[in-house]
């Protein structure tokens, strides 16, 4: 089983972002717990931040600020730190039970444990206050207040922001990275949790006749995330719904954005991953 993190890391070589699943055509995911939903929302925000930092234009810098404010909101609504500690501790306990199991790649297991344990130490530290740098920024908090009003972030609304956005790109970039500094641990922990969950599944090929598939989740069986993988050139997409006890997948074809999507009627096959770590 812990062969998987190694395989996943190898497949990620050459990717510009750690969060490529959002950009992979034909791959659709549904988290089945509130904790997984929170993790995936954070992943999406960090992904947006990294894209903005890579591109580096004035408008990209502005979009990075918007994503940072979304991070602030998420950190304020949910005990992200506590949720990550619980999830990482659960993973550590699971992996510890696999030690000395001859069917497990012990080198990969120890490598994964070596990533989990330092993150737990940092998250549990009293000195770690995620998002503190963002909340201390007068400019970011002023921008956040104006974002609540439609169209109210023009240069005449916040001249200080206009001035900051048009500073030298290197200065602006250094400031953005400084604001993100105390959130790197959150980012690394989210990345590791989702990585372990995603590679935990044994993929299955599923055939359906009328564009619909449903599966019960057996009592005592954990499923944290459903992933559906289609051929890259598929002209249809899945809508996945579900919870702790069952999930359903219905396939649609949407050739005209102005019209309603149509349920796929012909037989099709897809790759199903029921992920749980």
C-alpha atoms as a PDB file:
ATOM      1  CA  UNK A   1       0.000   0.000   0.000  1.00  0.00           C
ATOM      2  CA  UNK A   2       2.657   2.642   0.834  1.00  0.00           C
ATOM      3  CA  UNK A   3       4.132   2.041  -2.607  1.00  0.00           C
ATOM      4  CA  UNK A   4       1.447   4.507  -3.680  1.00  0.00           C
ATOM      5  CA  UNK A   5       2.936   7.766  -2.300  1.00  0.00           C
ATOM      6  CA  UNK A   6       6.152   6.980  -4.156  1.00  0.00           C
ATOM      7  CA  UNK A   7       4.298   6.328  -7.393  1.00  0.00           C
ATOM      8  CA  UNK A   8       2.282   9.489  -6.941  1.00  0.00           C
ATOM      9  CA  UNK A   9       5.402  11.586  -6.402  1.00  0.00           C
ATOM     10  CA  UNK A  10       6.999  10.110  -9.482  1.00  0.00           C
ATOM     11  CA  UNK A  11       3.956  10.939 -11.594  1.00  0.00           C
ATOM     12  CA  UNK A  12       4.053  14.527 -10.314  1.00  0.00           C
ATOM     13  CA  UNK A  13       7.548  15.178 -11.716  1.00  0.00           C
ATOM     14  CA  UNK A  14       7.541  17.971 -14.222  1.00  0.00           C
ATOM     15  CA  UNK A  15       4.218  19.396 -13.056  1.00  0.00           C
ATOM     16  CA  UNK A  16       4.187  23.145 -12.475  1.00  0.00           C
ATOM     17  CA  UNK A  17       1.776  22.811  -9.574  1.00  0.00           C
ATOM     18  CA  UNK A  18       1.302  20.294  -6.798  1.00  0.00           C
ATOM     19  CA  UNK A  19      -2.439  20.623  -7.328  1.00  0.00           C
ATOM     20  CA  UNK A  20      -2.787  19.382 -10.910  1.00  0.00           C
ATOM     21  CA  UNK A  21      -5.997  17.314 -10.437  1.00  0.00           C
ATOM     22  CA  UNK A  22      -8.033  20.498 -10.975  1.00  0.00           C
ATOM     23  CA  UNK A  23      -6.498  20.883 -14.433  1.00  0.00           C
ATOM     24  CA  UNK A  24      -6.705  17.276 -15.544  1.00  0.00           C
ATOM     25  CA  UNK A  25      -9.449  16.847 -18.092  1.00  0.00           C
ATOM     26  CA  UNK A  26     -11.601  13.801 -17.540  1.00  0.00           C
ATOM     27  CA  UNK A  27     -11.014  13.565 -13.770  1.00  0.00           C
ATOM     28  CA  UNK A  28     -13.880  14.441 -11.405  1.00  0.00           C
ATOM     29  CA  UNK A  29     -13.936  14.234  -7.609  1.00  0.00           C
ATOM     30  CA  UNK A  30     -16.497  14.388  -4.817  1.00  0.00           C
ATOM     31  CA  UNK A  31     -15.503  14.566  -1.136  1.00  0.00           C
ATOM     32  CA  UNK A  32     -17.864  12.558   1.079  1.00  0.00           C
ATOM     33  CA  UNK A  33     -17.127  14.229   4.417  1.00  0.00           C
ATOM     34  CA  UNK A  34     -17.034  17.802   5.632  1.00  0.00           C
ATOM     35  CA  UNK A  35     -13.350  17.425   6.504  1.00  0.00           C
ATOM     36  CA  UNK A  36     -12.492  16.379   2.951  1.00  0.00           C
ATOM     37  CA  UNK A  37     -14.600  19.219   1.550  1.00  0.00           C
ATOM     38  CA  UNK A  38     -12.615  21.680   3.664  1.00  0.00           C
ATOM     39  CA  UNK A  39      -9.296  20.192   2.539  1.00  0.00           C
ATOM     40  CA  UNK A  40     -10.254  20.344  -1.124  1.00  0.00           C
ATOM     41  CA  UNK A  41     -11.462  23.946  -0.840  1.00  0.00           C
ATOM     42  CA  UNK A  42      -8.132  24.905   0.710  1.00  0.00           C
ATOM     43  CA  UNK A  43      -6.324  23.020  -2.046  1.00  0.00           C
ATOM     44  CA  UNK A  44      -8.255  25.001  -4.652  1.00  0.00           C
ATOM     45  CA  UNK A  45      -7.366  28.311  -2.983  1.00  0.00           C
ATOM     46  CA  UNK A  46      -3.665  27.428  -2.748  1.00  0.00           C
ATOM     47  CA  UNK A  47      -3.770  26.332  -6.383  1.00  0.00           C
ATOM     48  CA  UNK A  48      -5.151  29.733  -7.375  1.00  0.00           C
ATOM     49  CA  UNK A  49      -2.433  31.483  -5.333  1.00  0.00           C
ATOM     50  CA  UNK A  50       0.345  29.494  -6.993  1.00  0.00           C
ATOM     51  CA  UNK A  51      -0.968  30.221 -10.473  1.00  0.00           C
ATOM     52  CA  UNK A  52      -1.054  33.946  -9.699  1.00  0.00           C
ATOM     53  CA  UNK A  53       2.468  33.892  -8.284  1.00  0.00           C
ATOM     54  CA  UNK A  54       3.762  32.044 -11.360  1.00  0.00           C
ATOM     55  CA  UNK A  55       2.250  34.522 -13.803  1.00  0.00           C
ATOM     56  CA  UNK A  56       3.241  37.608 -11.834  1.00  0.00           C
ATOM     57  CA  UNK A  57       1.253  40.379 -13.578  1.00  0.00           C
ATOM     58  CA  UNK A  58      -0.486  43.215 -11.712  1.00  0.00           C
ATOM     59  CA  UNK A  59      -3.890  41.557 -12.153  1.00  0.00           C
ATOM     60  CA  UNK A  60      -2.472  38.210 -11.067  1.00  0.00           C
ATOM     61  CA  UNK A  61      -1.137  39.850  -7.888  1.00  0.00           C
ATOM     62  CA  UNK A  62      -4.600  41.266  -7.240  1.00  0.00           C
ATOM     63  CA  UNK A  63      -6.132  37.808  -7.704  1.00  0.00           C
ATOM     64  CA  UNK A  64      -3.586  36.355  -5.277  1.00  0.00           C
ATOM     65  CA  UNK A  65      -4.780  38.883  -2.690  1.00  0.00           C
ATOM     66  CA  UNK A  66      -8.393  37.818  -3.285  1.00  0.00           C
ATOM     67  CA  UNK A  67      -7.402  34.173  -2.737  1.00  0.00           C
ATOM     68  CA  UNK A  68      -5.510  35.106   0.429  1.00  0.00           C
ATOM     69  CA  UNK A  69      -8.648  36.768   1.754  1.00  0.00           C
ATOM     70  CA  UNK A  70     -10.579  33.556   0.973  1.00  0.00           C
ATOM     71  CA  UNK A  71      -7.958  31.721   3.045  1.00  0.00           C
ATOM     72  CA  UNK A  72      -8.544  34.132   5.921  1.00  0.00           C
ATOM     73  CA  UNK A  73     -12.284  33.471   5.718  1.00  0.00           C
ATOM     74  CA  UNK A  74     -11.773  29.680   5.690  1.00  0.00           C
ATOM     75  CA  UNK A  75      -9.417  29.852   8.666  1.00  0.00           C
ATOM     76  CA  UNK A  76     -11.951  31.976  10.512  1.00  0.00           C
ATOM     77  CA  UNK A  77     -14.921  29.682   9.861  1.00  0.00           C
ATOM     78  CA  UNK A  78     -13.339  26.281  10.488  1.00  0.00           C
ATOM     79  CA  UNK A  79     -10.720  25.035  12.956  1.00  0.00           C
ATOM     80  CA  UNK A  80      -8.419  24.065  10.084  1.00  0.00           C
ATOM     81  CA  UNK A  81      -5.512  23.446  12.400  1.00  0.00           C
ATOM     82  CA  UNK A  82      -7.518  21.091  14.615  1.00  0.00           C
ATOM     83  CA  UNK A  83      -8.989  19.222  11.646  1.00  0.00           C
ATOM     84  CA  UNK A  84      -5.549  18.701  10.128  1.00  0.00           C
ATOM     85  CA  UNK A  85      -4.123  17.464  13.432  1.00  0.00           C
ATOM     86  CA  UNK A  86      -6.933  14.895  13.744  1.00  0.00           C
ATOM     87  CA  UNK A  87      -6.499  13.686  10.172  1.00  0.00           C
ATOM     88  CA  UNK A  88      -2.711  13.463  10.344  1.00  0.00           C
ATOM     89  CA  UNK A  89      -2.848  11.639  13.692  1.00  0.00           C
ATOM     90  CA  UNK A  90      -5.297   9.165  12.177  1.00  0.00           C
ATOM     91  CA  UNK A  91      -2.917   8.547   9.286  1.00  0.00           C
ATOM     92  CA  UNK A  92       0.050   8.084  11.627  1.00  0.00           C
ATOM     93  CA  UNK A  93      -1.872   5.494  13.660  1.00  0.00           C
ATOM     94  CA  UNK A  94      -2.895   3.614  10.513  1.00  0.00           C
ATOM     95  CA  UNK A  95       0.633   3.532   9.155  1.00  0.00           C
ATOM     96  CA  UNK A  96       2.141   2.466  12.475  1.00  0.00           C
ATOM     97  CA  UNK A  97      -0.019  -0.663  12.357  1.00  0.00           C
ATOM     98  CA  UNK A  98       1.571  -1.518   9.004  1.00  0.00           C
ATOM     99  CA  UNK A  99       5.109  -1.597  10.353  1.00  0.00           C
ATOM    100  CA  UNK A 100       6.671  -5.073  10.197  1.00  0.00           C
ATOM    101  CA  UNK A 101       3.990  -6.178   7.730  1.00  0.00           C
ATOM    102  CA  UNK A 102       5.959  -8.125   5.062  1.00  0.00           C
ATOM    103  CA  UNK A 103       3.492  -7.107   2.335  1.00  0.00           C
ATOM    104  CA  UNK A 104       4.164  -3.401   2.898  1.00  0.00           C
ATOM    105  CA  UNK A 105       7.029  -1.438   1.369  1.00  0.00           C
ATOM    106  CA  UNK A 106       8.702  -0.355   4.595  1.00  0.00           C
ATOM    107  CA  UNK A 107      10.964   2.191   2.912  1.00  0.00           C
ATOM    108  CA  UNK A 108       7.959   4.026   1.428  1.00  0.00           C
ATOM    109  CA  UNK A 109       6.104   3.763   4.741  1.00  0.00           C
ATOM    110  CA  UNK A 110       8.993   5.322   6.699  1.00  0.00           C
ATOM    111  CA  UNK A 111       9.318   8.051   4.101  1.00  0.00           C
ATOM    112  CA  UNK A 112       5.638   8.901   4.502  1.00  0.00           C
ATOM    113  CA  UNK A 113       5.916   8.829   8.316  1.00  0.00           C
ATOM    114  CA  UNK A 114       8.878  11.160   7.979  1.00  0.00           C
ATOM    115  CA  UNK A 115       6.631  13.673   6.270  1.00  0.00           C
ATOM    116  CA  UNK A 116       3.662  13.274   8.643  1.00  0.00           C
ATOM    117  CA  UNK A 117       5.367  13.611  12.002  1.00  0.00           C
ATOM    118  CA  UNK A 118       7.197  16.951  11.485  1.00  0.00           C
ATOM    119  CA  UNK A 119       3.944  18.495  10.237  1.00  0.00           C
ATOM    120  CA  UNK A 120       2.126  17.305  13.358  1.00  0.00           C
ATOM    121  CA  UNK A 121       4.802  18.840  15.589  1.00  0.00           C
ATOM    122  CA  UNK A 122       4.517  22.193  13.814  1.00  0.00           C
ATOM    123  CA  UNK A 123       0.705  22.193  13.860  1.00  0.00           C
ATOM    124  CA  UNK A 124       0.639  21.417  17.598  1.00  0.00           C
ATOM    125  CA  UNK A 125       3.122  24.151  18.468  1.00  0.00           C
ATOM    126  CA  UNK A 126       1.621  27.022  20.499  1.00  0.00           C
ATOM    127  CA  UNK A 127       3.791  29.407  18.511  1.00  0.00           C
ATOM    128  CA  UNK A 128       2.081  28.434  15.254  1.00  0.00           C
ATOM    129  CA  UNK A 129      -0.731  30.869  14.424  1.00  0.00           C
ATOM    130  CA  UNK A 130      -1.820  30.281  10.806  1.00  0.00           C
ATOM    131  CA  UNK A 131      -3.001  33.385   8.988  1.00  0.00           C
ATOM    132  CA  UNK A 132      -1.633  35.825  11.580  1.00  0.00           C
ATOM    133  CA  UNK A 133       0.445  37.661   8.962  1.00  0.00           C
ATOM    134  CA  UNK A 134      -2.620  38.140   6.765  1.00  0.00           C
ATOM    135  CA  UNK A 135      -4.798  39.441   9.593  1.00  0.00           C
ATOM    136  CA  UNK A 136      -2.123  41.932  10.659  1.00  0.00           C
ATOM    137  CA  UNK A 137      -2.007  43.577   7.231  1.00  0.00           C
ATOM    138  CA  UNK A 138      -3.976  46.818   7.172  1.00  0.00           C
ATOM    139  CA  UNK A 139      -3.954  46.803   3.359  1.00  0.00           C
ATOM    140  CA  UNK A 140      -5.403  43.290   3.114  1.00  0.00           C
ATOM    141  CA  UNK A 141      -8.092  43.985   5.692  1.00  0.00           C
ATOM    142  CA  UNK A 142      -9.077  47.199   3.912  1.00  0.00           C
ATOM    143  CA  UNK A 143      -9.245  45.297   0.619  1.00  0.00           C
ATOM    144  CA  UNK A 144     -11.367  42.600   2.280  1.00  0.00           C
ATOM    145  CA  UNK A 145     -13.923  45.162   3.461  1.00  0.00           C
ATOM    146  CA  UNK A 146     -14.225  46.680  -0.007  1.00  0.00           C
ATOM    147  CA  UNK A 147     -14.612  43.283  -1.688  1.00  0.00           C
ATOM    148  CA  UNK A 148     -17.974  42.920   0.027  1.00  0.00           C
ATOM    149  CA  UNK A 149     -19.287  45.749  -2.186  1.00  0.00           C
ATOM    150  CA  UNK A 150     -19.684  44.949  -5.909  1.00  0.00           C
ATOM    151  CA  UNK A 151     -17.146  46.833  -8.018  1.00  0.00           C
ATOM    152  CA  UNK A 152     -15.827  48.804  -5.036  1.00  0.00           C
ATOM    153  CA  UNK A 153     -12.124  47.999  -5.391  1.00  0.00           C
ATOM    154  CA  UNK A 154     -11.191  50.489  -8.103  1.00  0.00           C
ATOM    155  CA  UNK A 155      -8.050  52.600  -7.820  1.00  0.00           C
ATOM    156  CA  UNK A 156     -10.082  55.547  -6.462  1.00  0.00           C
ATOM    157  CA  UNK A 157     -11.649  53.277  -3.795  1.00  0.00           C
ATOM    158  CA  UNK A 158      -8.325  51.982  -2.431  1.00  0.00           C
ATOM    159  CA  UNK A 159      -5.474  54.160  -3.731  1.00  0.00           C
ATOM    160  CA  UNK A 160      -3.063  52.399  -1.372  1.00  0.00           C
ATOM    161  CA  UNK A 161      -3.801  49.094  -3.088  1.00  0.00           C
ATOM    162  CA  UNK A 162      -3.338  50.717  -6.513  1.00  0.00           C
ATOM    163  CA  UNK A 163       0.059  51.997  -5.370  1.00  0.00           C
ATOM    164  CA  UNK A 164       1.101  48.587  -3.958  1.00  0.00           C
ATOM    165  CA  UNK A 165       0.003  46.649  -7.052  1.00  0.00           C
ATOM    166  CA  UNK A 166       2.162  48.850  -9.274  1.00  0.00           C
ATOM    167  CA  UNK A 167       5.345  48.437  -7.269  1.00  0.00           C
ATOM    168  CA  UNK A 168       8.302  46.587  -8.752  1.00  0.00           C
ATOM    169  CA  UNK A 169       7.231  42.951  -9.364  1.00  0.00           C
ATOM    170  CA  UNK A 170      10.104  41.574  -7.244  1.00  0.00           C
ATOM    171  CA  UNK A 171       9.105  43.742  -4.268  1.00  0.00           C
ATOM    172  CA  UNK A 172       5.479  42.748  -4.674  1.00  0.00           C
ATOM    173  CA  UNK A 173       6.417  39.080  -4.953  1.00  0.00           C
ATOM    174  CA  UNK A 174       8.536  39.203  -1.783  1.00  0.00           C
ATOM    175  CA  UNK A 175       5.611  40.738   0.111  1.00  0.00           C
ATOM    176  CA  UNK A 176       3.177  38.087  -1.119  1.00  0.00           C
ATOM    177  CA  UNK A 177       5.516  35.281  -0.073  1.00  0.00           C
ATOM    178  CA  UNK A 178       5.978  36.930   3.334  1.00  0.00           C
ATOM    179  CA  UNK A 179       2.213  37.047   3.894  1.00  0.00           C
ATOM    180  CA  UNK A 180       2.020  33.349   2.996  1.00  0.00           C
ATOM    181  CA  UNK A 181       4.932  32.300   5.200  1.00  0.00           C
ATOM    182  CA  UNK A 182       2.922  31.045   8.188  1.00  0.00           C
ATOM    183  CA  UNK A 183       0.477  29.206   5.899  1.00  0.00           C
ATOM    184  CA  UNK A 184       3.068  26.898   4.321  1.00  0.00           C
ATOM    185  CA  UNK A 185       2.506  24.302   7.046  1.00  0.00           C
ATOM    186  CA  UNK A 186      -1.243  24.311   6.327  1.00  0.00           C
ATOM    187  CA  UNK A 187      -0.536  23.945   2.607  1.00  0.00           C
ATOM    188  CA  UNK A 188       1.918  21.071   3.130  1.00  0.00           C
ATOM    189  CA  UNK A 189      -0.456  19.252   5.484  1.00  0.00           C
ATOM    190  CA  UNK A 190      -3.436  19.620   3.130  1.00  0.00           C
ATOM    191  CA  UNK A 191      -1.314  18.415   0.213  1.00  0.00           C
ATOM    192  CA  UNK A 192      -0.122  15.341   2.133  1.00  0.00           C
ATOM    193  CA  UNK A 193      -3.577  14.384   3.435  1.00  0.00           C
ATOM    194  CA  UNK A 194      -5.154  14.602  -0.015  1.00  0.00           C
ATOM    195  CA  UNK A 195      -2.227  12.826  -1.640  1.00  0.00           C
ATOM    196  CA  UNK A 196      -2.546   9.864   0.737  1.00  0.00           C
ATOM    197  CA  UNK A 197      -6.324   9.695   0.329  1.00  0.00           C
ATOM    198  CA  UNK A 198      -6.196   9.911  -3.472  1.00  0.00           C
ATOM    199  CA  UNK A 199      -3.659   7.103  -3.907  1.00  0.00           C
ATOM    200  CA  UNK A 200      -5.428   4.797  -1.437  1.00  0.00           C
ATOM    201  CA  UNK A 201      -8.003   3.430  -3.907  1.00  0.00           C
ATOM    202  CA  UNK A 202      -7.887   0.361  -6.114  1.00  0.00           C
ATOM    203  CA  UNK A 203      -9.327   1.635  -9.436  1.00  0.00           C
ATOM    204  CA  UNK A 204     -12.183  -0.345 -11.012  1.00  0.00           C
ATOM    205  CA  UNK A 205     -13.589  -0.242 -14.528  1.00  0.00           C
ATOM    206  CA  UNK A 206     -17.365   0.247 -14.414  1.00  0.00           C
ATOM    207  CA  UNK A 207     -19.774  -0.200 -17.313  1.00  0.00           C
ATOM    208  CA  UNK A 208     -23.224   1.421 -17.291  1.00  0.00           C
ATOM    209  CA  UNK A 209     -26.081   1.177 -19.771  1.00  0.00           C
ATOM    210  CA  UNK A 210     -28.167   4.294 -19.242  1.00  0.00           C
ATOM    211  CA  UNK A 211     -25.805   6.956 -17.904  1.00  0.00           C
ATOM    212  CA  UNK A 212     -26.426   6.158 -14.234  1.00  0.00           C
ATOM    213  CA  UNK A 213     -24.454   4.334 -11.544  1.00  0.00           C
ATOM    214  CA  UNK A 214     -25.151   3.963  -7.820  1.00  0.00           C
ATOM    215  CA  UNK A 215     -23.207   2.232  -5.065  1.00  0.00           C
ATOM    216  CA  UNK A 216     -23.936   1.539  -1.411  1.00  0.00           C
ATOM    217  CA  UNK A 217     -21.108   2.058   1.049  1.00  0.00           C
ATOM    218  CA  UNK A 218     -21.013  -0.957   3.340  1.00  0.00           C
ATOM    219  CA  UNK A 219     -21.375  -0.310   7.093  1.00  0.00           C
ATOM    220  CA  UNK A 220     -17.947  -0.010   8.663  1.00  0.00           C
ATOM    221  CA  UNK A 221     -16.359   0.839   5.305  1.00  0.00           C
ATOM    222  CA  UNK A 222     -14.759   4.249   4.996  1.00  0.00           C
ATOM    223  CA  UNK A 223     -14.963   6.210   1.748  1.00  0.00           C
ATOM    224  CA  UNK A 224     -13.655   9.753   1.984  1.00  0.00           C
ATOM    225  CA  UNK A 225     -13.640  10.686  -1.688  1.00  0.00           C
ATOM    226  CA  UNK A 226     -15.081   9.394  -4.954  1.00  0.00           C
ATOM    227  CA  UNK A 227     -13.043   9.929  -8.113  1.00  0.00           C
ATOM    228  CA  UNK A 228     -14.322   9.305 -11.628  1.00  0.00           C
ATOM    229  CA  UNK A 229     -11.882   9.191 -14.513  1.00  0.00           C
ATOM    230  CA  UNK A 230     -13.075   9.389 -18.123  1.00  0.00           C
ATOM    231  CA  UNK A 231     -11.256   9.223 -21.403  1.00  0.00           C
ATOM    232  CA  UNK A 232      -9.684  12.595 -22.143  1.00  0.00           C
ATOM    233  CA  UNK A 233     -11.758  12.974 -25.316  1.00  0.00           C
ATOM    234  CA  UNK A 234     -15.095  12.015 -23.706  1.00  0.00           C
ATOM    235  CA  UNK A 235     -17.897  14.379 -24.751  1.00  0.00           C
ATOM    236  CA  UNK A 236     -19.852  13.853 -21.509  1.00  0.00           C
ATOM    237  CA  UNK A 237     -19.233  14.478 -17.821  1.00  0.00           C
ATOM    238  CA  UNK A 238     -20.417  13.010 -14.491  1.00  0.00           C
ATOM    239  CA  UNK A 239     -22.427  14.634 -11.736  1.00  0.00           C
ATOM    240  CA  UNK A 240     -21.560  12.873  -8.480  1.00  0.00           C
ATOM    241  CA  UNK A 241     -23.702  13.097  -5.368  1.00  0.00           C
ATOM    242  CA  UNK A 242     -23.620  11.202  -2.121  1.00  0.00           C
ATOM    243  CA  UNK A 243     -22.734  10.925   1.527  1.00  0.00           C
ATOM    244  CA  UNK A 244     -21.460   8.416   4.067  1.00  0.00           C
ATOM    245  CA  UNK A 245     -23.852   5.607   3.054  1.00  0.00           C
ATOM    246  CA  UNK A 246     -24.097   5.761  -0.738  1.00  0.00           C
ATOM    247  CA  UNK A 247     -23.155   7.734  -3.797  1.00  0.00           C
ATOM    248  CA  UNK A 248     -24.618   8.097  -7.263  1.00  0.00           C
ATOM    249  CA  UNK A 249     -23.134   9.137 -10.604  1.00  0.00           C
ATOM    250  CA  UNK A 250     -25.184  10.431 -13.510  1.00  0.00           C
ATOM    251  CA  UNK A 251     -23.567  11.243 -16.840  1.00  0.00           C
ATOM    252  CA  UNK A 252     -24.572  14.237 -18.931  1.00  0.00           C
ATOM    253  CA  UNK A 253     -23.776  15.613 -22.348  1.00  0.00           C
ATOM    254  CA  UNK A 254     -23.752  19.409 -22.654  1.00  0.00           C
ATOM    255  CA  UNK A 255     -23.146  20.487 -26.233  1.00  0.00           C
ATOM    256  CA  UNK A 256     -24.917  23.839 -25.951  1.00  0.00           C
ATOM    257  CA  UNK A 257     -24.132  26.020 -22.867  1.00  0.00           C
ATOM    258  CA  UNK A 258     -27.442  27.863 -23.361  1.00  0.00           C
ATOM    259  CA  UNK A 259     -29.501  24.665 -23.198  1.00  0.00           C
ATOM    260  CA  UNK A 260     -30.060  22.069 -20.502  1.00  0.00           C
ATOM    261  CA  UNK A 261     -27.611  19.150 -20.392  1.00  0.00           C
ATOM    262  CA  UNK A 262     -28.972  15.814 -21.590  1.00  0.00           C
ATOM    263  CA  UNK A 263     -28.579  12.487 -19.788  1.00  0.00           C
ATOM    264  CA  UNK A 264     -26.305  10.103 -21.687  1.00  0.00           C
ATOM    265  CA  UNK A 265     -28.365   7.145 -22.914  1.00  0.00           C
ATOM    266  CA  UNK A 266     -25.812   4.927 -24.620  1.00  0.00           C
ATOM    267  CA  UNK A 267     -23.514   2.443 -22.772  1.00  0.00           C
ATOM    268  CA  UNK A 268     -20.261   3.842 -21.421  1.00  0.00           C
ATOM    269  CA  UNK A 269     -17.365   2.847 -19.181  1.00  0.00           C
ATOM    270  CA  UNK A 270     -15.419   4.821 -16.619  1.00  0.00           C
ATOM    271  CA  UNK A 271     -12.743   4.313 -13.992  1.00  0.00           C
ATOM    272  CA  UNK A 272     -13.988   4.507 -10.385  1.00  0.00           C
ATOM    273  CA  UNK A 273     -11.855   5.228  -7.331  1.00  0.00           C
ATOM    274  CA  UNK A 274     -13.368   4.943  -3.824  1.00  0.00           C
ATOM    275  CA  UNK A 275     -10.652   6.593  -1.754  1.00  0.00           C
ATOM    276  CA  UNK A 276     -10.144   6.141   1.974  1.00  0.00           C
ATOM    277  CA  UNK A 277      -7.012   6.238   4.071  1.00  0.00           C
END
